[in-house]
C-alpha cells in the first residue's frame, strides 16, 4: 500500500508596520549535515576602489569585508523549496519583462 502524497499548506506572513527589510548584496552558502548555512551580508560598493588600488600596488587583500545581515540554517527540504520559489519568482519576472 502506497502513502498518499503530502499536501502543501500555504503560509501567510503578516506584515508588520515599520518593519523594513534588510538590503543584502552578498551571500555565502555552506553545506552542513543538517542542511545548509546561508550567510547574508552587505558589501559596501565604495570599497571596490580601495580593493582595486591594493591590487594595483601588488597587495592582494585576503578577502572583502562584508557586514553581516543575517544567518540561517535551512534543512535540506526547506533549501530545495527555497530554490524552487526563487526560480519561480525569477522566471515570472523574466516572463513579464519579455511580454
C-alpha atoms as a PDB file:
ATOM      1  CA  UNK A   1       0.000   0.000   0.000  1.00  0.00           C
ATOM      2  CA  UNK A   2       1.435   3.379  -1.015  1.00  0.00           C
ATOM      3  CA  UNK A   3       1.279   6.520   1.083  1.00  0.00           C
ATOM      4  CA  UNK A   4      -0.855   9.455  -0.004  1.00  0.00           C
ATOM      5  CA  UNK A   5       1.193  12.375  -1.382  1.00  0.00           C
ATOM      6  CA  UNK A   6       1.874  15.188   1.041  1.00  0.00           C
ATOM      7  CA  UNK A   7      -0.279  18.259   0.528  1.00  0.00           C
ATOM      8  CA  UNK A   8       1.218  21.719   0.597  1.00  0.00           C
ATOM      9  CA  UNK A   9      -0.139  24.107   3.194  1.00  0.00           C
ATOM     10  CA  UNK A  10       0.174  27.737   2.089  1.00  0.00           C
ATOM     11  CA  UNK A  11       1.919  30.049   4.546  1.00  0.00           C
ATOM     12  CA  UNK A  12       0.952  33.647   5.130  1.00  0.00           C
ATOM     13  CA  UNK A  13       3.399  36.034   6.749  1.00  0.00           C
ATOM     14  CA  UNK A  14       1.841  39.036   8.447  1.00  0.00           C
ATOM     15  CA  UNK A  15       3.071  42.500   7.503  1.00  0.00           C
ATOM     16  CA  UNK A  16       4.481  44.371  10.492  1.00  0.00           C
ATOM     17  CA  UNK A  17       4.133  48.157  10.266  1.00  0.00           C
ATOM     18  CA  UNK A  18       7.520  49.841  10.091  1.00  0.00           C
ATOM     19  CA  UNK A  19       9.483  46.613   9.618  1.00  0.00           C
ATOM     20  CA  UNK A  20      11.927  47.379   6.812  1.00  0.00           C
ATOM     21  CA  UNK A  21      13.672  44.506   5.029  1.00  0.00           C
ATOM     22  CA  UNK A  22      17.457  44.421   5.267  1.00  0.00           C
ATOM     23  CA  UNK A  23      19.220  45.015   1.948  1.00  0.00           C
ATOM     24  CA  UNK A  24      21.807  42.374   1.095  1.00  0.00           C
ATOM     25  CA  UNK A  25      24.130  42.123  -1.867  1.00  0.00           C
ATOM     26  CA  UNK A  26      26.321  39.205  -0.781  1.00  0.00           C
ATOM     27  CA  UNK A  27      25.527  35.628   0.166  1.00  0.00           C
ATOM     28  CA  UNK A  28      27.549  32.540   1.030  1.00  0.00           C
ATOM     29  CA  UNK A  29      26.085  29.045   1.337  1.00  0.00           C
ATOM     30  CA  UNK A  30      27.862  26.264   3.251  1.00  0.00           C
ATOM     31  CA  UNK A  31      26.773  22.637   3.441  1.00  0.00           C
ATOM     32  CA  UNK A  32      26.409  21.054   6.901  1.00  0.00           C
ATOM     33  CA  UNK A  33      24.968  17.707   7.968  1.00  0.00           C
ATOM     34  CA  UNK A  34      21.604  19.264   8.879  1.00  0.00           C
ATOM     35  CA  UNK A  35      21.239  21.159   5.580  1.00  0.00           C
ATOM     36  CA  UNK A  36      22.845  24.450   4.579  1.00  0.00           C
ATOM     37  CA  UNK A  37      24.006  27.551   6.422  1.00  0.00           C
ATOM     38  CA  UNK A  38      23.193  30.723   4.488  1.00  0.00           C
ATOM     39  CA  UNK A  39      25.021  33.908   5.434  1.00  0.00           C
ATOM     40  CA  UNK A  40      23.551  37.153   4.101  1.00  0.00           C
ATOM     41  CA  UNK A  41      25.566  40.335   4.098  1.00  0.00           C
ATOM     42  CA  UNK A  42      26.196  43.763   2.669  1.00  0.00           C
ATOM     43  CA  UNK A  43      29.372  44.601   0.754  1.00  0.00           C
ATOM     44  CA  UNK A  44      29.941  48.347   0.539  1.00  0.00           C
ATOM     45  CA  UNK A  45      30.475  49.100  -3.156  1.00  0.00           C
ATOM     46  CA  UNK A  46      32.681  52.080  -2.219  1.00  0.00           C
ATOM     47  CA  UNK A  47      35.287  49.551  -1.036  1.00  0.00           C
ATOM     48  CA  UNK A  48      35.771  48.234  -4.581  1.00  0.00           C
ATOM     49  CA  UNK A  49      38.062  51.170  -5.470  1.00  0.00           C
ATOM     50  CA  UNK A  50      40.084  50.605  -2.291  1.00  0.00           C
ATOM     51  CA  UNK A  51      40.472  46.914  -3.128  1.00  0.00           C
ATOM     52  CA  UNK A  52      41.387  47.725  -6.745  1.00  0.00           C
ATOM     53  CA  UNK A  53      44.023  50.199  -5.545  1.00  0.00           C
ATOM     54  CA  UNK A  54      45.509  47.455  -3.344  1.00  0.00           C
ATOM     55  CA  UNK A  55      45.604  45.057  -6.282  1.00  0.00           C
ATOM     56  CA  UNK A  56      47.254  47.710  -8.484  1.00  0.00           C
ATOM     57  CA  UNK A  57      50.075  48.126  -5.942  1.00  0.00           C
ATOM     58  CA  UNK A  58      50.566  44.358  -5.729  1.00  0.00           C
ATOM     59  CA  UNK A  59      48.968  43.954  -2.302  1.00  0.00           C
ATOM     60  CA  UNK A  60      46.283  41.323  -2.739  1.00  0.00           C
ATOM     61  CA  UNK A  61      43.632  41.557   0.001  1.00  0.00           C
ATOM     62  CA  UNK A  62      42.787  38.294   1.785  1.00  0.00           C
ATOM     63  CA  UNK A  63      39.050  38.838   1.464  1.00  0.00           C
ATOM     64  CA  UNK A  64      36.430  41.529   1.019  1.00  0.00           C
ATOM     65  CA  UNK A  65      34.858  42.714   4.256  1.00  0.00           C
ATOM     66  CA  UNK A  66      31.124  42.074   4.337  1.00  0.00           C
ATOM     67  CA  UNK A  67      28.789  43.424   7.044  1.00  0.00           C
ATOM     68  CA  UNK A  68      26.689  40.500   8.296  1.00  0.00           C
ATOM     69  CA  UNK A  69      22.950  40.981   7.823  1.00  0.00           C
ATOM     70  CA  UNK A  70      21.789  37.577   8.997  1.00  0.00           C
ATOM     71  CA  UNK A  71      22.495  33.864   9.175  1.00  0.00           C
ATOM     72  CA  UNK A  72      20.068  30.981   8.825  1.00  0.00           C
ATOM     73  CA  UNK A  73      20.292  27.214   8.799  1.00  0.00           C
ATOM     74  CA  UNK A  74      17.906  25.553   6.360  1.00  0.00           C
ATOM     75  CA  UNK A  75      17.099  21.863   6.351  1.00  0.00           C
ATOM     76  CA  UNK A  76      17.553  20.036   3.042  1.00  0.00           C
ATOM     77  CA  UNK A  77      13.842  20.069   2.182  1.00  0.00           C
ATOM     78  CA  UNK A  78      13.393  23.767   3.002  1.00  0.00           C
ATOM     79  CA  UNK A  79      16.512  24.661   0.992  1.00  0.00           C
ATOM     80  CA  UNK A  80      15.052  22.847  -2.026  1.00  0.00           C
ATOM     81  CA  UNK A  81      11.719  24.649  -1.544  1.00  0.00           C
ATOM     82  CA  UNK A  82      13.541  27.985  -1.394  1.00  0.00           C
ATOM     83  CA  UNK A  83      15.400  27.210  -4.626  1.00  0.00           C
ATOM     84  CA  UNK A  84      12.091  26.378  -6.324  1.00  0.00           C
ATOM     85  CA  UNK A  85      10.366  29.530  -5.043  1.00  0.00           C
ATOM     86  CA  UNK A  86      13.255  31.772  -6.098  1.00  0.00           C
ATOM     87  CA  UNK A  87      13.411  30.135  -9.538  1.00  0.00           C
ATOM     88  CA  UNK A  88       9.651  30.542  -9.991  1.00  0.00           C
ATOM     89  CA  UNK A  89       9.806  34.219  -8.968  1.00  0.00           C
ATOM     90  CA  UNK A  90      12.709  34.908 -11.358  1.00  0.00           C
ATOM     91  CA  UNK A  91      11.001  33.050 -14.202  1.00  0.00           C
ATOM     92  CA  UNK A  92       7.819  35.040 -13.594  1.00  0.00           C
ATOM     93  CA  UNK A  93       9.725  38.347 -13.537  1.00  0.00           C
ATOM     94  CA  UNK A  94      11.594  37.460 -16.739  1.00  0.00           C
ATOM     95  CA  UNK A  95       8.355  36.445 -18.434  1.00  0.00           C
ATOM     96  CA  UNK A  96       6.639  39.734 -17.512  1.00  0.00           C
ATOM     97  CA  UNK A  97       9.656  41.751 -18.749  1.00  0.00           C
ATOM     98  CA  UNK A  98       9.607  39.958 -22.096  1.00  0.00           C
ATOM     99  CA  UNK A  99       5.881  40.487 -22.674  1.00  0.00           C
END
